[in-house]
Protein backbone atom coordinates (compact mmCIF):
# COMPACT_ATOMS: atom_id res chain seq x y z
CA UNK A 1 -6.70 -15.98 -9.40
CA UNK A 2 -3.03 -14.45 -8.46
CA UNK A 3 -2.42 -12.38 -5.43
CA UNK A 4 0.73 -10.19 -4.87
CA UNK A 5 1.41 -9.86 -1.11
CA UNK A 6 4.51 -7.76 -0.06
CA UNK A 7 6.44 -6.87 3.39
CA UNK A 8 9.17 -4.44 3.97
CA UNK A 9 12.55 -5.09 4.83
CA UNK A 10 13.73 -4.04 8.60
CA UNK A 11 14.14 -0.33 9.47
CA UNK A 12 14.51 2.02 12.19
CA UNK A 13 17.30 0.02 13.73
CA UNK A 14 15.06 -3.14 13.95
CA UNK A 15 16.65 -6.27 13.36
CA UNK A 16 13.49 -7.74 11.41
CA UNK A 17 10.60 -6.46 9.94
CA UNK A 18 7.46 -8.72 11.26
CA UNK A 19 5.56 -7.96 7.99
CA UNK A 20 7.70 -9.69 5.52
CA UNK A 21 8.48 -12.63 8.25
CA UNK A 22 4.82 -13.43 8.37
CA UNK A 23 4.54 -13.03 4.77
CA UNK A 24 6.91 -15.54 3.92
CA UNK A 25 5.07 -18.20 6.16
CA UNK A 26 1.62 -17.64 4.06
CA UNK A 27 0.39 -20.59 2.75
CA UNK A 28 -3.00 -21.07 0.64
CA UNK A 29 -3.97 -24.35 -0.01
CA UNK A 30 -6.43 -23.75 -2.79
CA UNK A 31 -4.76 -24.75 -6.13
CA UNK A 32 -6.68 -21.75 -7.74
CA UNK A 33 -4.75 -19.06 -5.93
CA UNK A 34 -1.10 -18.40 -6.55
CA UNK A 35 0.68 -16.30 -4.19
CA UNK A 36 3.49 -14.27 -5.26
CA UNK A 37 5.35 -12.86 -2.12
CA UNK A 38 7.59 -9.89 -2.55
CA UNK A 39 10.22 -8.02 -0.17
CA UNK A 40 10.11 -4.13 -0.71
CA UNK A 41 12.65 -1.75 0.47
CA UNK A 42 12.01 0.83 3.08
CA UNK A 43 12.93 3.46 0.74
CA UNK A 44 11.01 6.24 -0.87
CA UNK A 45 10.52 6.07 -4.41
CA UNK A 46 12.54 2.55 -4.86
CA UNK A 47 9.43 1.03 -2.72
CA UNK A 48 7.06 1.96 -5.58
CA UNK A 49 9.79 1.15 -8.54
CA UNK A 50 9.93 -2.57 -6.83
CA UNK A 51 6.26 -3.34 -6.62
CA UNK A 52 5.21 -1.58 -9.92
CA UNK A 53 7.71 -3.49 -11.76
CA UNK A 54 6.50 -6.78 -9.99
CA UNK A 55 2.61 -5.77 -10.92
CA UNK A 56 3.62 -5.04 -14.53
CA UNK A 57 5.44 -8.53 -14.74
CA UNK A 58 2.59 -10.73 -12.84
CA UNK A 59 -0.40 -8.92 -13.51
CA UNK A 60 -2.07 -9.60 -10.01
CA UNK A 61 -5.80 -9.66 -9.36
CA UNK A 62 -5.20 -8.50 -5.78
CA UNK A 63 -2.53 -6.56 -4.37
CA UNK A 64 -2.05 -6.69 -0.27
CA UNK A 65 0.91 -4.72 0.95
CA UNK A 66 2.13 -5.15 4.65
CA UNK A 67 4.08 -3.56 6.97
CA UNK A 68 4.91 -2.89 10.63
CA UNK A 69 3.24 -0.34 13.12
CA UNK A 70 5.05 -0.92 16.46
CA UNK A 71 3.02 0.19 19.25
CA UNK A 72 -0.27 -0.96 17.73
CA UNK A 73 -2.21 -3.84 19.63
CA UNK A 74 -3.69 -5.65 16.85
CA UNK A 75 -3.93 -6.17 12.98
CA UNK A 76 -4.97 -3.08 11.45
CA UNK A 77 -6.66 -2.75 7.92
CA UNK A 78 -5.80 0.57 6.27
CA UNK A 79 -8.84 2.28 4.70
CA UNK A 80 -6.75 4.99 3.13
CA UNK A 81 -3.82 6.43 1.79
CA UNK A 82 -2.98 10.30 1.61
CA UNK A 83 -1.07 12.20 -0.46
CA UNK A 84 1.69 13.47 1.78
CA UNK A 85 5.16 12.24 2.87
CA UNK A 86 6.22 13.53 6.32
CA UNK A 87 8.86 11.24 7.38
CA UNK A 88 9.53 11.21 11.26
CA UNK A 89 12.70 9.11 10.61
CA UNK A 90 15.01 8.59 7.88
CA UNK A 91 14.33 5.75 5.23
CA UNK A 92 16.86 2.89 4.75
CA UNK A 93 18.91 5.21 2.34
CA UNK A 94 18.78 8.47 4.76
CA UNK A 95 16.18 10.16 2.99
CA UNK A 96 13.73 12.23 5.08
CA UNK A 97 11.28 14.10 2.95
CA UNK A 98 8.89 16.55 4.86
CA UNK A 99 5.79 17.86 4.15
CA UNK A 100 6.07 16.71 0.17
CA UNK A 101 3.13 15.22 -2.06
CA UNK A 102 3.86 11.68 -3.50
CA UNK A 103 2.37 12.90 -6.75
CA UNK A 104 1.97 16.40 -7.60
CA UNK A 105 -0.93 15.54 -9.86
CA UNK A 106 -2.67 12.80 -7.56
CA UNK A 107 -5.76 13.05 -5.71
CA UNK A 108 -5.71 13.84 -2.06
CA UNK A 109 -6.21 10.41 -1.09
CA UNK A 110 -7.32 6.94 -2.26
CA UNK A 111 -9.26 4.42 -0.56
CA UNK A 112 -8.41 1.17 -0.45
CA UNK A 113 -10.71 -0.96 -2.86
CA UNK A 114 -10.55 -4.06 -0.71
CA UNK A 115 -13.48 -5.35 1.62
CA UNK A 116 -11.76 -3.43 4.82
CA UNK A 117 -14.64 -4.47 7.17
CA UNK A 118 -15.07 -7.63 5.86
CA UNK A 119 -11.78 -8.59 6.59
CA UNK A 120 -11.77 -7.31 9.80
CA UNK A 121 -14.72 -9.26 10.67
CA UNK A 122 -13.31 -12.50 9.27
CA UNK A 123 -10.14 -11.97 11.66
CA UNK A 124 -12.14 -11.71 14.54
CA UNK A 125 -14.23 -14.56 13.97
CA UNK A 126 -10.84 -16.59 13.88
CA UNK A 127 -10.01 -15.03 17.24
CA UNK A 128 -7.37 -12.57 15.67
CA UNK A 129 -7.49 -9.09 17.42
CA UNK A 130 -8.14 -6.79 14.25
CA UNK A 131 -9.60 -3.34 13.54
CA UNK A 132 -10.15 -0.83 10.92
CA UNK A 133 -7.21 1.85 10.63
CA UNK A 134 -7.86 5.38 9.33
CA UNK A 135 -4.27 6.09 9.05
CA UNK A 136 -1.36 4.42 7.63
CA UNK A 137 1.12 7.24 8.78
CA UNK A 138 2.99 9.33 6.67
CA UNK A 139 6.20 7.06 6.29
CA UNK A 140 7.01 4.48 3.68
CA UNK A 141 4.00 2.43 4.37
CA UNK A 142 1.51 5.14 3.69
CA UNK A 143 3.69 6.13 0.52
CA UNK A 144 3.47 2.46 -0.72
CA UNK A 145 -0.47 2.45 -0.11
CA UNK A 146 -1.14 5.51 -1.89
CA UNK A 147 1.14 4.84 -4.79
CA UNK A 148 -0.69 1.33 -5.35
CA UNK A 149 -4.07 2.88 -5.15
CA UNK A 150 -2.85 5.63 -7.78
CA UNK A 151 -2.13 2.80 -10.01
CA UNK A 152 -5.15 1.06 -9.64
CA UNK A 153 -7.03 4.42 -10.55
CA UNK A 154 -4.72 5.30 -13.56
CA UNK A 155 -3.40 2.16 -14.78
CA UNK A 156 -5.03 -1.10 -13.39
CA UNK A 157 -8.65 -0.44 -12.56
CA UNK A 158 -9.88 -4.31 -12.48
CA UNK A 159 -7.13 -4.56 -9.53
CA UNK A 160 -7.98 -4.83 -6.10
CA UNK A 161 -5.34 -3.47 -3.54
CA UNK A 162 -4.89 -2.19 0.03
CA UNK A 163 -2.69 -2.60 3.00
CA UNK A 164 -2.46 -4.24 6.46
CA UNK A 165 -0.27 -3.10 9.42
CA UNK A 166 0.92 -5.70 11.94
CA UNK A 167 2.54 -5.14 15.64
CA UNK A 168 6.07 -6.00 16.81
CA UNK A 169 6.86 -9.56 17.11
CA UNK A 170 7.54 -10.70 20.56
CA UNK A 171 11.50 -11.24 20.15
CA UNK A 172 11.15 -7.39 19.02
CA UNK A 173 9.78 -6.11 22.45
CA UNK A 174 12.02 -7.63 24.90
CA UNK A 175 13.93 -4.24 25.48
CA UNK A 176 10.56 -2.51 24.89
CA UNK A 177 8.84 -2.01 28.07
CA UNK A 178 4.93 -2.39 28.05
CA UNK A 179 5.15 -2.60 24.28
CA UNK A 180 2.48 -5.05 22.64
CA UNK A 181 3.27 -7.59 20.34
CA UNK A 182 1.85 -10.43 18.43
CA UNK A 183 3.29 -13.99 17.29
CA UNK A 184 4.17 -14.55 13.63
CA UNK A 185 1.98 -17.61 13.68
CA UNK A 186 -1.15 -15.33 14.21
CA UNK A 187 0.02 -12.82 11.75
CA UNK A 188 0.59 -15.23 8.95
CA UNK A 189 -2.64 -16.57 9.71
CA UNK A 190 -4.47 -13.31 9.66
CA UNK A 191 -2.62 -12.45 6.20
CA UNK A 192 -4.17 -15.95 4.71
CA UNK A 193 -7.69 -14.98 6.14
CA UNK A 194 -7.42 -11.80 4.55
CA UNK A 195 -6.43 -13.11 1.35
CA UNK A 196 -9.27 -15.62 1.51
CA UNK A 197 -11.80 -12.82 2.48
CA UNK A 198 -10.72 -10.49 -0.31
CA UNK A 199 -10.80 -13.03 -2.89
CA UNK A 200 -14.42 -14.27 -1.90
CA UNK A 201 -16.22 -10.69 -1.02
CA UNK A 202 -17.39 -8.46 -3.60
CA UNK A 203 -19.26 -5.76 -1.54
CA UNK A 204 -17.98 -4.92 1.84
CA UNK A 205 -19.97 -5.37 5.01
CA UNK A 206 -21.81 -2.21 6.55
CA UNK A 207 -21.12 -2.33 10.18
CA UNK A 208 -19.24 -0.22 12.97
CA UNK A 209 -15.50 0.24 11.98
CA UNK A 210 -15.20 3.92 13.06
CA UNK A 211 -13.41 5.55 16.19
CA UNK A 212 -14.01 8.71 18.25
CA UNK A 213 -10.35 10.00 17.39
C-alpha cells in the first residue's frame, strides 16, 4: 500500500509550519506500507498542481493532506471541503481571491472518504486530543482538500483521501498569549495512527462527532 502525506510550507509570517515539520517525522514500521512525504506551497493553484503531479507519478492508495490551524486545541480530522475561496490573508505569492469558486463546474462540496470518526477514536484511544471538524476554512487548506476530493470523484475513484489540521507548535506561541499548542512528537504520532487506521478501516464507525455550533 502506498500513502502520500503532505504538509504546507510556512505562511502568515510564521517561521515554520507544524504540518510538514510533523510529516517529516512520520515513520511506519510495516514494510508493506510505502510513505511518500510532500511539502506543498501555501499558494492557490500551485498547491493543487504540486500534489496532482505527485499523485499522477506515484498513484497512492491513500492521500492525507495536513495543515496548520493556529488556535485549535486538538488534532482535527476534516469531514468536508467546500467549493469556495475566501482568503482572509494573501497566500505566499500575494494572491487573495475572495468569494471565488475553486472549480466552476465542481460540486458545492466533497466529503472525505477516509474513516474520519474511526481516526478520531483511534487518536483518543492513544491519549491524543482529537475531534471531527466540519470546516477546513476557506484558505489554501480547504482549497487543497476540495481539489483532491474532486480528483477522487473525477479521476481516481479507487483512491481515498482527506485532510488533518494540527495546532501550533509550542515554539510558535511564545509571543501569542493563551494560544494552545501541541508537541511535534504528538502530531507525528497522530499522523502515524491516522494512516494505520485509514489503511485498516473500510467502513467508518457511527458515533457522535458533531457539534452544536
